[in-house]
PDBML (XML) file of the C-alpha atoms, coordinates in Angstrom:
<?xml version="1.0" encoding="UTF-8" ?>
<PDBx:datablock datablockName="MODEL"
   xmlns:PDBx="http://pdbml.pdb.org/schema/pdbx-v50.xsd"
   xmlns:xsi="http://www.w3.org/2001/XMLSchema-instance"
   xsi:schemaLocation="http://pdbml.pdb.org/schema/pdbx-v50.xsd pdbx-v50.xsd">
   <PDBx:atom_siteCategory>
      <PDBx:atom_site id="1">
         <PDBx:B_iso_or_equiv>0.00</PDBx:B_iso_or_equiv>
         <PDBx:Cartn_x>-1.306</PDBx:Cartn_x>
         <PDBx:Cartn_y>-1.604</PDBx:Cartn_y>
         <PDBx:Cartn_z>-29.350</PDBx:Cartn_z>
         <PDBx:auth_asym_id>A</PDBx:auth_asym_id>
         <PDBx:auth_atom_id>CA</PDBx:auth_atom_id>
         <PDBx:auth_comp_id>ALA</PDBx:auth_comp_id>
         <PDBx:auth_seq_id>1</PDBx:auth_seq_id>
         <PDBx:group_PDB>ATOM</PDBx:group_PDB>
         <PDBx:label_alt_id xsi:nil="true" />
         <PDBx:label_asym_id>A</PDBx:label_asym_id>
         <PDBx:label_atom_id>CA</PDBx:label_atom_id>
         <PDBx:label_comp_id>ALA</PDBx:label_comp_id>
         <PDBx:label_entity_id>1</PDBx:label_entity_id>
         <PDBx:label_seq_id>1</PDBx:label_seq_id>
         <PDBx:occupancy>1.00</PDBx:occupancy>
         <PDBx:pdbx_PDB_model_num>1</PDBx:pdbx_PDB_model_num>
         <PDBx:type_symbol>C</PDBx:type_symbol>
      </PDBx:atom_site>
      <PDBx:atom_site id="2">
         <PDBx:B_iso_or_equiv>0.00</PDBx:B_iso_or_equiv>
         <PDBx:Cartn_x>2.503</PDBx:Cartn_x>
         <PDBx:Cartn_y>-1.267</PDBx:Cartn_y>
         <PDBx:Cartn_z>-30.304</PDBx:Cartn_z>
         <PDBx:auth_asym_id>A</PDBx:auth_asym_id>
         <PDBx:auth_atom_id>CA</PDBx:auth_atom_id>
         <PDBx:auth_comp_id>SER</PDBx:auth_comp_id>
         <PDBx:auth_seq_id>2</PDBx:auth_seq_id>
         <PDBx:group_PDB>ATOM</PDBx:group_PDB>
         <PDBx:label_alt_id xsi:nil="true" />
         <PDBx:label_asym_id>A</PDBx:label_asym_id>
         <PDBx:label_atom_id>CA</PDBx:label_atom_id>
         <PDBx:label_comp_id>SER</PDBx:label_comp_id>
         <PDBx:label_entity_id>1</PDBx:label_entity_id>
         <PDBx:label_seq_id>2</PDBx:label_seq_id>
         <PDBx:occupancy>1.00</PDBx:occupancy>
         <PDBx:pdbx_PDB_model_num>1</PDBx:pdbx_PDB_model_num>
         <PDBx:type_symbol>C</PDBx:type_symbol>
      </PDBx:atom_site>
      <PDBx:atom_site id="3">
         <PDBx:B_iso_or_equiv>0.00</PDBx:B_iso_or_equiv>
         <PDBx:Cartn_x>3.556</PDBx:Cartn_x>
         <PDBx:Cartn_y>-1.545</PDBx:Cartn_y>
         <PDBx:Cartn_z>-26.789</PDBx:Cartn_z>
         <PDBx:auth_asym_id>A</PDBx:auth_asym_id>
         <PDBx:auth_atom_id>CA</PDBx:auth_atom_id>
         <PDBx:auth_comp_id>ALA</PDBx:auth_comp_id>
         <PDBx:auth_seq_id>3</PDBx:auth_seq_id>
         <PDBx:group_PDB>ATOM</PDBx:group_PDB>
         <PDBx:label_alt_id xsi:nil="true" />
         <PDBx:label_asym_id>A</PDBx:label_asym_id>
         <PDBx:label_atom_id>CA</PDBx:label_atom_id>
         <PDBx:label_comp_id>ALA</PDBx:label_comp_id>
         <PDBx:label_entity_id>1</PDBx:label_entity_id>
         <PDBx:label_seq_id>3</PDBx:label_seq_id>
         <PDBx:occupancy>1.00</PDBx:occupancy>
         <PDBx:pdbx_PDB_model_num>1</PDBx:pdbx_PDB_model_num>
         <PDBx:type_symbol>C</PDBx:type_symbol>
      </PDBx:atom_site>
      <PDBx:atom_site id="4">
         <PDBx:B_iso_or_equiv>0.00</PDBx:B_iso_or_equiv>
         <PDBx:Cartn_x>1.287</PDBx:Cartn_x>
         <PDBx:Cartn_y>-4.669</PDBx:Cartn_y>
         <PDBx:Cartn_z>-26.755</PDBx:Cartn_z>
         <PDBx:auth_asym_id>A</PDBx:auth_asym_id>
         <PDBx:auth_atom_id>CA</PDBx:auth_atom_id>
         <PDBx:auth_comp_id>THR</PDBx:auth_comp_id>
         <PDBx:auth_seq_id>4</PDBx:auth_seq_id>
         <PDBx:group_PDB>ATOM</PDBx:group_PDB>
         <PDBx:label_alt_id xsi:nil="true" />
         <PDBx:label_asym_id>A</PDBx:label_asym_id>
         <PDBx:label_atom_id>CA</PDBx:label_atom_id>
         <PDBx:label_comp_id>THR</PDBx:label_comp_id>
         <PDBx:label_entity_id>1</PDBx:label_entity_id>
         <PDBx:label_seq_id>4</PDBx:label_seq_id>
         <PDBx:occupancy>1.00</PDBx:occupancy>
         <PDBx:pdbx_PDB_model_num>1</PDBx:pdbx_PDB_model_num>
         <PDBx:type_symbol>C</PDBx:type_symbol>
      </PDBx:atom_site>
      <PDBx:atom_site id="5">
         <PDBx:B_iso_or_equiv>0.00</PDBx:B_iso_or_equiv>
         <PDBx:Cartn_x>2.847</PDBx:Cartn_x>
         <PDBx:Cartn_y>-6.600</PDBx:Cartn_y>
         <PDBx:Cartn_z>-29.535</PDBx:Cartn_z>
         <PDBx:auth_asym_id>A</PDBx:auth_asym_id>
         <PDBx:auth_atom_id>CA</PDBx:auth_atom_id>
         <PDBx:auth_comp_id>HIS</PDBx:auth_comp_id>
         <PDBx:auth_seq_id>5</PDBx:auth_seq_id>
         <PDBx:group_PDB>ATOM</PDBx:group_PDB>
         <PDBx:label_alt_id xsi:nil="true" />
         <PDBx:label_asym_id>A</PDBx:label_asym_id>
         <PDBx:label_atom_id>CA</PDBx:label_atom_id>
         <PDBx:label_comp_id>HIS</PDBx:label_comp_id>
         <PDBx:label_entity_id>1</PDBx:label_entity_id>
         <PDBx:label_seq_id>5</PDBx:label_seq_id>
         <PDBx:occupancy>1.00</PDBx:occupancy>
         <PDBx:pdbx_PDB_model_num>1</PDBx:pdbx_PDB_model_num>
         <PDBx:type_symbol>C</PDBx:type_symbol>
      </PDBx:atom_site>
      <PDBx:atom_site id="6">
         <PDBx:B_iso_or_equiv>0.00</PDBx:B_iso_or_equiv>
         <PDBx:Cartn_x>6.487</PDBx:Cartn_x>
         <PDBx:Cartn_y>-5.433</PDBx:Cartn_y>
         <PDBx:Cartn_z>-29.078</PDBx:Cartn_z>
         <PDBx:auth_asym_id>A</PDBx:auth_asym_id>
         <PDBx:auth_atom_id>CA</PDBx:auth_atom_id>
         <PDBx:auth_comp_id>ALA</PDBx:auth_comp_id>
         <PDBx:auth_seq_id>6</PDBx:auth_seq_id>
         <PDBx:group_PDB>ATOM</PDBx:group_PDB>
         <PDBx:label_alt_id xsi:nil="true" />
         <PDBx:label_asym_id>A</PDBx:label_asym_id>
         <PDBx:label_atom_id>CA</PDBx:label_atom_id>
         <PDBx:label_comp_id>ALA</PDBx:label_comp_id>
         <PDBx:label_entity_id>1</PDBx:label_entity_id>
         <PDBx:label_seq_id>6</PDBx:label_seq_id>
         <PDBx:occupancy>1.00</PDBx:occupancy>
         <PDBx:pdbx_PDB_model_num>1</PDBx:pdbx_PDB_model_num>
         <PDBx:type_symbol>C</PDBx:type_symbol>
      </PDBx:atom_site>
      <PDBx:atom_site id="7">
         <PDBx:B_iso_or_equiv>0.00</PDBx:B_iso_or_equiv>
         <PDBx:Cartn_x>9.117</PDBx:Cartn_x>
         <PDBx:Cartn_y>-7.945</PDBx:Cartn_y>
         <PDBx:Cartn_z>-27.916</PDBx:Cartn_z>
         <PDBx:auth_asym_id>A</PDBx:auth_asym_id>
         <PDBx:auth_atom_id>CA</PDBx:auth_atom_id>
         <PDBx:auth_comp_id>PRO</PDBx:auth_comp_id>
         <PDBx:auth_seq_id>7</PDBx:auth_seq_id>
         <PDBx:group_PDB>ATOM</PDBx:group_PDB>
         <PDBx:label_alt_id xsi:nil="true" />
         <PDBx:label_asym_id>A</PDBx:label_asym_id>
         <PDBx:label_atom_id>CA</PDBx:label_atom_id>
         <PDBx:label_comp_id>PRO</PDBx:label_comp_id>
         <PDBx:label_entity_id>1</PDBx:label_entity_id>
         <PDBx:label_seq_id>7</PDBx:label_seq_id>
         <PDBx:occupancy>1.00</PDBx:occupancy>
         <PDBx:pdbx_PDB_model_num>1</PDBx:pdbx_PDB_model_num>
         <PDBx:type_symbol>C</PDBx:type_symbol>
      </PDBx:atom_site>
      <PDBx:atom_site id="8">
         <PDBx:B_iso_or_equiv>0.00</PDBx:B_iso_or_equiv>
         <PDBx:Cartn_x>10.111</PDBx:Cartn_x>
         <PDBx:Cartn_y>-7.854</PDBx:Cartn_y>
         <PDBx:Cartn_z>-24.241</PDBx:Cartn_z>
         <PDBx:auth_asym_id>A</PDBx:auth_asym_id>
         <PDBx:auth_atom_id>CA</PDBx:auth_atom_id>
         <PDBx:auth_comp_id>GLY</PDBx:auth_comp_id>
         <PDBx:auth_seq_id>8</PDBx:auth_seq_id>
         <PDBx:group_PDB>ATOM</PDBx:group_PDB>
         <PDBx:label_alt_id xsi:nil="true" />
         <PDBx:label_asym_id>A</PDBx:label_asym_id>
         <PDBx:label_atom_id>CA</PDBx:label_atom_id>
         <PDBx:label_comp_id>GLY</PDBx:label_comp_id>
         <PDBx:label_entity_id>1</PDBx:label_entity_id>
         <PDBx:label_seq_id>8</PDBx:label_seq_id>
         <PDBx:occupancy>1.00</PDBx:occupancy>
         <PDBx:pdbx_PDB_model_num>1</PDBx:pdbx_PDB_model_num>
         <PDBx:type_symbol>C</PDBx:type_symbol>
      </PDBx:atom_site>
      <PDBx:atom_site id="9">
         <PDBx:B_iso_or_equiv>0.00</PDBx:B_iso_or_equiv>
         <PDBx:Cartn_x>7.069</PDBx:Cartn_x>
         <PDBx:Cartn_y>-6.573</PDBx:Cartn_y>
         <PDBx:Cartn_z>-22.865</PDBx:Cartn_z>
         <PDBx:auth_asym_id>A</PDBx:auth_asym_id>
         <PDBx:auth_atom_id>CA</PDBx:auth_atom_id>
         <PDBx:auth_comp_id>VAL</PDBx:auth_comp_id>
         <PDBx:auth_seq_id>9</PDBx:auth_seq_id>
         <PDBx:group_PDB>ATOM</PDBx:group_PDB>
         <PDBx:label_alt_id xsi:nil="true" />
         <PDBx:label_asym_id>A</PDBx:label_asym_id>
         <PDBx:label_atom_id>CA</PDBx:label_atom_id>
         <PDBx:label_comp_id>VAL</PDBx:label_comp_id>
         <PDBx:label_entity_id>1</PDBx:label_entity_id>
         <PDBx:label_seq_id>9</PDBx:label_seq_id>
         <PDBx:occupancy>1.00</PDBx:occupancy>
         <PDBx:pdbx_PDB_model_num>1</PDBx:pdbx_PDB_model_num>
         <PDBx:type_symbol>C</PDBx:type_symbol>
      </PDBx:atom_site>
      <PDBx:atom_site id="10">
         <PDBx:B_iso_or_equiv>0.00</PDBx:B_iso_or_equiv>
         <PDBx:Cartn_x>5.263</PDBx:Cartn_x>
         <PDBx:Cartn_y>-8.829</PDBx:Cartn_y>
         <PDBx:Cartn_z>-20.768</PDBx:Cartn_z>
         <PDBx:auth_asym_id>A</PDBx:auth_asym_id>
         <PDBx:auth_atom_id>CA</PDBx:auth_atom_id>
         <PDBx:auth_comp_id>GLY</PDBx:auth_comp_id>
         <PDBx:auth_seq_id>10</PDBx:auth_seq_id>
         <PDBx:group_PDB>ATOM</PDBx:group_PDB>
         <PDBx:label_alt_id xsi:nil="true" />
         <PDBx:label_asym_id>A</PDBx:label_asym_id>
         <PDBx:label_atom_id>CA</PDBx:label_atom_id>
         <PDBx:label_comp_id>GLY</PDBx:label_comp_id>
         <PDBx:label_entity_id>1</PDBx:label_entity_id>
         <PDBx:label_seq_id>10</PDBx:label_seq_id>
         <PDBx:occupancy>1.00</PDBx:occupancy>
         <PDBx:pdbx_PDB_model_num>1</PDBx:pdbx_PDB_model_num>
         <PDBx:type_symbol>C</PDBx:type_symbol>
      </PDBx:atom_site>
      <PDBx:atom_site id="11">
         <PDBx:B_iso_or_equiv>0.00</PDBx:B_iso_or_equiv>
         <PDBx:Cartn_x>7.265</PDBx:Cartn_x>
         <PDBx:Cartn_y>-12.251</PDBx:Cartn_y>
         <PDBx:Cartn_z>-21.950</PDBx:Cartn_z>
         <PDBx:auth_asym_id>A</PDBx:auth_asym_id>
         <PDBx:auth_atom_id>CA</PDBx:auth_atom_id>
         <PDBx:auth_comp_id>GLN</PDBx:auth_comp_id>
         <PDBx:auth_seq_id>11</PDBx:auth_seq_id>
         <PDBx:group_PDB>ATOM</PDBx:group_PDB>
         <PDBx:label_alt_id xsi:nil="true" />
         <PDBx:label_asym_id>A</PDBx:label_asym_id>
         <PDBx:label_atom_id>CA</PDBx:label_atom_id>
         <PDBx:label_comp_id>GLN</PDBx:label_comp_id>
         <PDBx:label_entity_id>1</PDBx:label_entity_id>
         <PDBx:label_seq_id>11</PDBx:label_seq_id>
         <PDBx:occupancy>1.00</PDBx:occupancy>
         <PDBx:pdbx_PDB_model_num>1</PDBx:pdbx_PDB_model_num>
         <PDBx:type_symbol>C</PDBx:type_symbol>
      </PDBx:atom_site>
      <PDBx:atom_site id="12">
         <PDBx:B_iso_or_equiv>0.00</PDBx:B_iso_or_equiv>
         <PDBx:Cartn_x>10.992</PDBx:Cartn_x>
         <PDBx:Cartn_y>-13.117</PDBx:Cartn_y>
         <PDBx:Cartn_z>-22.654</PDBx:Cartn_z>
         <PDBx:auth_asym_id>A</PDBx:auth_asym_id>
         <PDBx:auth_atom_id>CA</PDBx:auth_atom_id>
         <PDBx:auth_comp_id>PRO</PDBx:auth_comp_id>
         <PDBx:auth_seq_id>12</PDBx:auth_seq_id>
         <PDBx:group_PDB>ATOM</PDBx:group_PDB>
         <PDBx:label_alt_id xsi:nil="true" />
         <PDBx:label_asym_id>A</PDBx:label_asym_id>
         <PDBx:label_atom_id>CA</PDBx:label_atom_id>
         <PDBx:label_comp_id>PRO</PDBx:label_comp_id>
         <PDBx:label_entity_id>1</PDBx:label_entity_id>
         <PDBx:label_seq_id>12</PDBx:label_seq_id>
         <PDBx:occupancy>1.00</PDBx:occupancy>
         <PDBx:pdbx_PDB_model_num>1</PDBx:pdbx_PDB_model_num>
         <PDBx:type_symbol>C</PDBx:type_symbol>
      </PDBx:atom_site>
      <PDBx:atom_site id="13">
         <PDBx:B_iso_or_equiv>0.00</PDBx:B_iso_or_equiv>
         <PDBx:Cartn_x>12.381</PDBx:Cartn_x>
         <PDBx:Cartn_y>-12.395</PDBx:Cartn_y>
         <PDBx:Cartn_z>-26.185</PDBx:Cartn_z>
         <PDBx:auth_asym_id>A</PDBx:auth_asym_id>
         <PDBx:auth_atom_id>CA</PDBx:auth_atom_id>
         <PDBx:auth_comp_id>SER</PDBx:auth_comp_id>
         <PDBx:auth_seq_id>13</PDBx:auth_seq_id>
         <PDBx:group_PDB>ATOM</PDBx:group_PDB>
         <PDBx:label_alt_id xsi:nil="true" />
         <PDBx:label_asym_id>A</PDBx:label_asym_id>
         <PDBx:label_atom_id>CA</PDBx:label_atom_id>
         <PDBx:label_comp_id>SER</PDBx:label_comp_id>
         <PDBx:label_entity_id>1</PDBx:label_entity_id>
         <PDBx:label_seq_id>13</PDBx:label_seq_id>
         <PDBx:occupancy>1.00</PDBx:occupancy>
         <PDBx:pdbx_PDB_model_num>1</PDBx:pdbx_PDB_model_num>
         <PDBx:type_symbol>C</PDBx:type_symbol>
      </PDBx:atom_site>
      <PDBx:atom_site id="14">
         <PDBx:B_iso_or_equiv>0.00</PDBx:B_iso_or_equiv>
         <PDBx:Cartn_x>13.206</PDBx:Cartn_x>
         <PDBx:Cartn_y>-14.937</PDBx:Cartn_y>
         <PDBx:Cartn_z>-28.528</PDBx:Cartn_z>
         <PDBx:auth_asym_id>A</PDBx:auth_asym_id>
         <PDBx:auth_atom_id>CA</PDBx:auth_atom_id>
         <PDBx:auth_comp_id>PRO</PDBx:auth_comp_id>
         <PDBx:auth_seq_id>14</PDBx:auth_seq_id>
         <PDBx:group_PDB>ATOM</PDBx:group_PDB>
         <PDBx:label_alt_id xsi:nil="true" />
         <PDBx:label_asym_id>A</PDBx:label_asym_id>
         <PDBx:label_atom_id>CA</PDBx:label_atom_id>
         <PDBx:label_comp_id>PRO</PDBx:label_comp_id>
         <PDBx:label_entity_id>1</PDBx:label_entity_id>
         <PDBx:label_seq_id>14</PDBx:label_seq_id>
         <PDBx:occupancy>1.00</PDBx:occupancy>
         <PDBx:pdbx_PDB_model_num>1</PDBx:pdbx_PDB_model_num>
         <PDBx:type_symbol>C</PDBx:type_symbol>
      </PDBx:atom_site>
      <PDBx:atom_site id="15">
         <PDBx:B_iso_or_equiv>0.00</PDBx:B_iso_or_equiv>
         <PDBx:Cartn_x>16.503</PDBx:Cartn_x>
         <PDBx:Cartn_y>-14.598</PDBx:Cartn_y>
         <PDBx:Cartn_z>-28.475</PDBx:Cartn_z>
         <PDBx:auth_asym_id>A</PDBx:auth_asym_id>
         <PDBx:auth_atom_id>CA</PDBx:auth_atom_id>
         <PDBx:auth_comp_id>SER</PDBx:auth_comp_id>
         <PDBx:auth_seq_id>15</PDBx:auth_seq_id>
         <PDBx:group_PDB>ATOM</PDBx:group_PDB>
         <PDBx:label_alt_id xsi:nil="true" />
         <PDBx:label_asym_id>A</PDBx:label_asym_id>
         <PDBx:label_atom_id>CA</PDBx:label_atom_id>
         <PDBx:label_comp_id>SER</PDBx:label_comp_id>
         <PDBx:label_entity_id>1</PDBx:label_entity_id>
         <PDBx:label_seq_id>15</PDBx:label_seq_id>
         <PDBx:occupancy>1.00</PDBx:occupancy>
         <PDBx:pdbx_PDB_model_num>1</PDBx:pdbx_PDB_model_num>
         <PDBx:type_symbol>C</PDBx:type_symbol>
      </PDBx:atom_site>
      <PDBx:atom_site id="16">
         <PDBx:B_iso_or_equiv>0.00</PDBx:B_iso_or_equiv>
         <PDBx:Cartn_x>16.266</PDBx:Cartn_x>
         <PDBx:Cartn_y>-15.507</PDBx:Cartn_y>
         <PDBx:Cartn_z>-24.576</PDBx:Cartn_z>
         <PDBx:auth_asym_id>A</PDBx:auth_asym_id>
         <PDBx:auth_atom_id>CA</PDBx:auth_atom_id>
         <PDBx:auth_comp_id>VAL</PDBx:auth_comp_id>
         <PDBx:auth_seq_id>16</PDBx:auth_seq_id>
         <PDBx:group_PDB>ATOM</PDBx:group_PDB>
         <PDBx:label_alt_id xsi:nil="true" />
         <PDBx:label_asym_id>A</PDBx:label_asym_id>
         <PDBx:label_atom_id>CA</PDBx:label_atom_id>
         <PDBx:label_comp_id>VAL</PDBx:label_comp_id>
         <PDBx:label_entity_id>1</PDBx:label_entity_id>
         <PDBx:label_seq_id>16</PDBx:label_seq_id>
         <PDBx:occupancy>1.00</PDBx:occupancy>
         <PDBx:pdbx_PDB_model_num>1</PDBx:pdbx_PDB_model_num>
         <PDBx:type_symbol>C</PDBx:type_symbol>
      </PDBx:atom_site>
      <PDBx:atom_site id="17">
         <PDBx:B_iso_or_equiv>0.00</PDBx:B_iso_or_equiv>
         <PDBx:Cartn_x>13.945</PDBx:Cartn_x>
         <PDBx:Cartn_y>-18.470</PDBx:Cartn_y>
         <PDBx:Cartn_z>-25.167</PDBx:Cartn_z>
         <PDBx:auth_asym_id>A</PDBx:auth_asym_id>
         <PDBx:auth_atom_id>CA</PDBx:auth_atom_id>
         <PDBx:auth_comp_id>GLN</PDBx:auth_comp_id>
         <PDBx:auth_seq_id>17</PDBx:auth_seq_id>
         <PDBx:group_PDB>ATOM</PDBx:group_PDB>
         <PDBx:label_alt_id xsi:nil="true" />
         <PDBx:label_asym_id>A</PDBx:label_asym_id>
         <PDBx:label_atom_id>CA</PDBx:label_atom_id>
         <PDBx:label_comp_id>GLN</PDBx:label_comp_id>
         <PDBx:label_entity_id>1</PDBx:label_entity_id>
         <PDBx:label_seq_id>17</PDBx:label_seq_id>
         <PDBx:occupancy>1.00</PDBx:occupancy>
         <PDBx:pdbx_PDB_model_num>1</PDBx:pdbx_PDB_model_num>
         <PDBx:type_symbol>C</PDBx:type_symbol>
      </PDBx:atom_site>
      <PDBx:atom_site id="18">
         <PDBx:B_iso_or_equiv>0.00</PDBx:B_iso_or_equiv>
         <PDBx:Cartn_x>15.932</PDBx:Cartn_x>
         <PDBx:Cartn_y>-20.309</PDBx:Cartn_y>
         <PDBx:Cartn_z>-27.585</PDBx:Cartn_z>
         <PDBx:auth_asym_id>A</PDBx:auth_asym_id>
         <PDBx:auth_atom_id>CA</PDBx:auth_atom_id>
         <PDBx:auth_comp_id>GLU</PDBx:auth_comp_id>
         <PDBx:auth_seq_id>18</PDBx:auth_seq_id>
         <PDBx:group_PDB>ATOM</PDBx:group_PDB>
         <PDBx:label_alt_id xsi:nil="true" />
         <PDBx:label_asym_id>A</PDBx:label_asym_id>
         <PDBx:label_atom_id>CA</PDBx:label_atom_id>
         <PDBx:label_comp_id>GLU</PDBx:label_comp_id>
         <PDBx:label_entity_id>1</PDBx:label_entity_id>
         <PDBx:label_seq_id>18</PDBx:label_seq_id>
         <PDBx:occupancy>1.00</PDBx:occupancy>
         <PDBx:pdbx_PDB_model_num>1</PDBx:pdbx_PDB_model_num>
         <PDBx:type_symbol>C</PDBx:type_symbol>
      </PDBx:atom_site>
      <PDBx:atom_site id="19">
         <PDBx:B_iso_or_equiv>0.00</PDBx:B_iso_or_equiv>
         <PDBx:Cartn_x>19.089</PDBx:Cartn_x>
         <PDBx:Cartn_y>-21.066</PDBx:Cartn_y>
         <PDBx:Cartn_z>-25.582</PDBx:Cartn_z>
         <PDBx:auth_asym_id>A</PDBx:auth_asym_id>
         <PDBx:auth_atom_id>CA</PDBx:auth_atom_id>
         <PDBx:auth_comp_id>PRO</PDBx:auth_comp_id>
         <PDBx:auth_seq_id>19</PDBx:auth_seq_id>
         <PDBx:group_PDB>ATOM</PDBx:group_PDB>
         <PDBx:label_alt_id xsi:nil="true" />
         <PDBx:label_asym_id>A</PDBx:label_asym_id>
         <PDBx:label_atom_id>CA</PDBx:label_atom_id>
         <PDBx:label_comp_id>PRO</PDBx:label_comp_id>
         <PDBx:label_entity_id>1</PDBx:label_entity_id>
         <PDBx:label_seq_id>19</PDBx:label_seq_id>
         <PDBx:occupancy>1.00</PDBx:occupancy>
         <PDBx:pdbx_PDB_model_num>1</PDBx:pdbx_PDB_model_num>
         <PDBx:type_symbol>C</PDBx:type_symbol>
      </PDBx:atom_site>
      <PDBx:atom_site id="20">
         <PDBx:B_iso_or_equiv>0.00</PDBx:B_iso_or_equiv>
         <PDBx:Cartn_x>16.786</PDBx:Cartn_x>
         <PDBx:Cartn_y>-22.135</PDBx:Cartn_y>
         <PDBx:Cartn_z>-22.788</PDBx:Cartn_z>
         <PDBx:auth_asym_id>A</PDBx:auth_asym_id>
         <PDBx:auth_atom_id>CA</PDBx:auth_atom_id>
         <PDBx:auth_comp_id>ALA</PDBx:auth_comp_id>
         <PDBx:auth_seq_id>20</PDBx:auth_seq_id>
         <PDBx:group_PDB>ATOM</PDBx:group_PDB>
         <PDBx:label_alt_id xsi:nil="true" />
         <PDBx:label_asym_id>A</PDBx:label_asym_id>
         <PDBx:label_atom_id>CA</PDBx:label_atom_id>
         <PDBx:label_comp_id>ALA</PDBx:label_comp_id>
         <PDBx:label_entity_id>1</PDBx:label_entity_id>
         <PDBx:label_seq_id>20</PDBx:label_seq_id>
         <PDBx:occupancy>1.00</PDBx:occupancy>
         <PDBx:pdbx_PDB_model_num>1</PDBx:pdbx_PDB_model_num>
         <PDBx:type_symbol>C</PDBx:type_symbol>
      </PDBx:atom_site>
      <PDBx:atom_site id="21">
         <PDBx:B_iso_or_equiv>0.00</PDBx:B_iso_or_equiv>
         <PDBx:Cartn_x>15.176</PDBx:Cartn_x>
         <PDBx:Cartn_y>-24.564</PDBx:Cartn_y>
         <PDBx:Cartn_z>-24.992</PDBx:Cartn_z>
         <PDBx:auth_asym_id>A</PDBx:auth_asym_id>
         <PDBx:auth_atom_id>CA</PDBx:auth_atom_id>
         <PDBx:auth_comp_id>LEU</PDBx:auth_comp_id>
         <PDBx:auth_seq_id>21</PDBx:auth_seq_id>
         <PDBx:group_PDB>ATOM</PDBx:group_PDB>
         <PDBx:label_alt_id xsi:nil="true" />
         <PDBx:label_asym_id>A</PDBx:label_asym_id>
         <PDBx:label_atom_id>CA</PDBx:label_atom_id>
         <PDBx:label_comp_id>LEU</PDBx:label_comp_id>
         <PDBx:label_entity_id>1</PDBx:label_entity_id>
         <PDBx:label_seq_id>21</PDBx:label_seq_id>
         <PDBx:occupancy>1.00</PDBx:occupancy>
         <PDBx:pdbx_PDB_model_num>1</PDBx:pdbx_PDB_model_num>
         <PDBx:type_symbol>C</PDBx:type_symbol>
      </PDBx:atom_site>
      <PDBx:atom_site id="22">
         <PDBx:B_iso_or_equiv>0.00</PDBx:B_iso_or_equiv>
         <PDBx:Cartn_x>18.182</PDBx:Cartn_x>
         <PDBx:Cartn_y>-25.930</PDBx:Cartn_y>
         <PDBx:Cartn_z>-26.533</PDBx:Cartn_z>
         <PDBx:auth_asym_id>A</PDBx:auth_asym_id>
         <PDBx:auth_atom_id>CA</PDBx:auth_atom_id>
         <PDBx:auth_comp_id>ALA</PDBx:auth_comp_id>
         <PDBx:auth_seq_id>22</PDBx:auth_seq_id>
         <PDBx:group_PDB>ATOM</PDBx:group_PDB>
         <PDBx:label_alt_id xsi:nil="true" />
         <PDBx:label_asym_id>A</PDBx:label_asym_id>
         <PDBx:label_atom_id>CA</PDBx:label_atom_id>
         <PDBx:label_comp_id>ALA</PDBx:label_comp_id>
         <PDBx:label_entity_id>1</PDBx:label_entity_id>
         <PDBx:label_seq_id>22</PDBx:label_seq_id>
         <PDBx:occupancy>1.00</PDBx:occupancy>
         <PDBx:pdbx_PDB_model_num>1</PDBx:pdbx_PDB_model_num>
         <PDBx:type_symbol>C</PDBx:type_symbol>
      </PDBx:atom_site>
      <PDBx:atom_site id="23">
         <PDBx:B_iso_or_equiv>0.00</PDBx:B_iso_or_equiv>
         <PDBx:Cartn_x>19.710</PDBx:Cartn_x>
         <PDBx:Cartn_y>-26.716</PDBx:Cartn_y>
         <PDBx:Cartn_z>-23.145</PDBx:Cartn_z>
         <PDBx:auth_asym_id>A</PDBx:auth_asym_id>
         <PDBx:auth_atom_id>CA</PDBx:auth_atom_id>
         <PDBx:auth_comp_id>ARG</PDBx:auth_comp_id>
         <PDBx:auth_seq_id>23</PDBx:auth_seq_id>
         <PDBx:group_PDB>ATOM</PDBx:group_PDB>
         <PDBx:label_alt_id xsi:nil="true" />
         <PDBx:label_asym_id>A</PDBx:label_asym_id>
         <PDBx:label_atom_id>CA</PDBx:label_atom_id>
         <PDBx:label_comp_id>ARG</PDBx:label_comp_id>
         <PDBx:label_entity_id>1</PDBx:label_entity_id>
         <PDBx:label_seq_id>23</PDBx:label_seq_id>
         <PDBx:occupancy>1.00</PDBx:occupancy>
         <PDBx:pdbx_PDB_model_num>1</PDBx:pdbx_PDB_model_num>
         <PDBx:type_symbol>C</PDBx:type_symbol>
      </PDBx:atom_site>
      <PDBx:atom_site id="24">
         <PDBx:B_iso_or_equiv>0.00</PDBx:B_iso_or_equiv>
         <PDBx:Cartn_x>16.556</PDBx:Cartn_x>
         <PDBx:Cartn_y>-28.359</PDBx:Cartn_y>
         <PDBx:Cartn_z>-22.320</PDBx:Cartn_z>
         <PDBx:auth_asym_id>A</PDBx:auth_asym_id>
         <PDBx:auth_atom_id>CA</PDBx:auth_atom_id>
         <PDBx:auth_comp_id>ARG</PDBx:auth_comp_id>
         <PDBx:auth_seq_id>24</PDBx:auth_seq_id>
         <PDBx:group_PDB>ATOM</PDBx:group_PDB>
         <PDBx:label_alt_id xsi:nil="true" />
         <PDBx:label_asym_id>A</PDBx:label_asym_id>
         <PDBx:label_atom_id>CA</PDBx:label_atom_id>
         <PDBx:label_comp_id>ARG</PDBx:label_comp_id>
         <PDBx:label_entity_id>1</PDBx:label_entity_id>
         <PDBx:label_seq_id>24</PDBx:label_seq_id>
         <PDBx:occupancy>1.00</PDBx:occupancy>
         <PDBx:pdbx_PDB_model_num>1</PDBx:pdbx_PDB_model_num>
         <PDBx:type_symbol>C</PDBx:type_symbol>
      </PDBx:atom_site>
   </PDBx:atom_siteCategory>
</PDBx:datablock>
């Protein structure tokens, strides 16, 4: 369960998503 909800496993981390959304 911990591995499933941990950031960076299977999805980009929030720190990576925010700059992409800002650029968009």
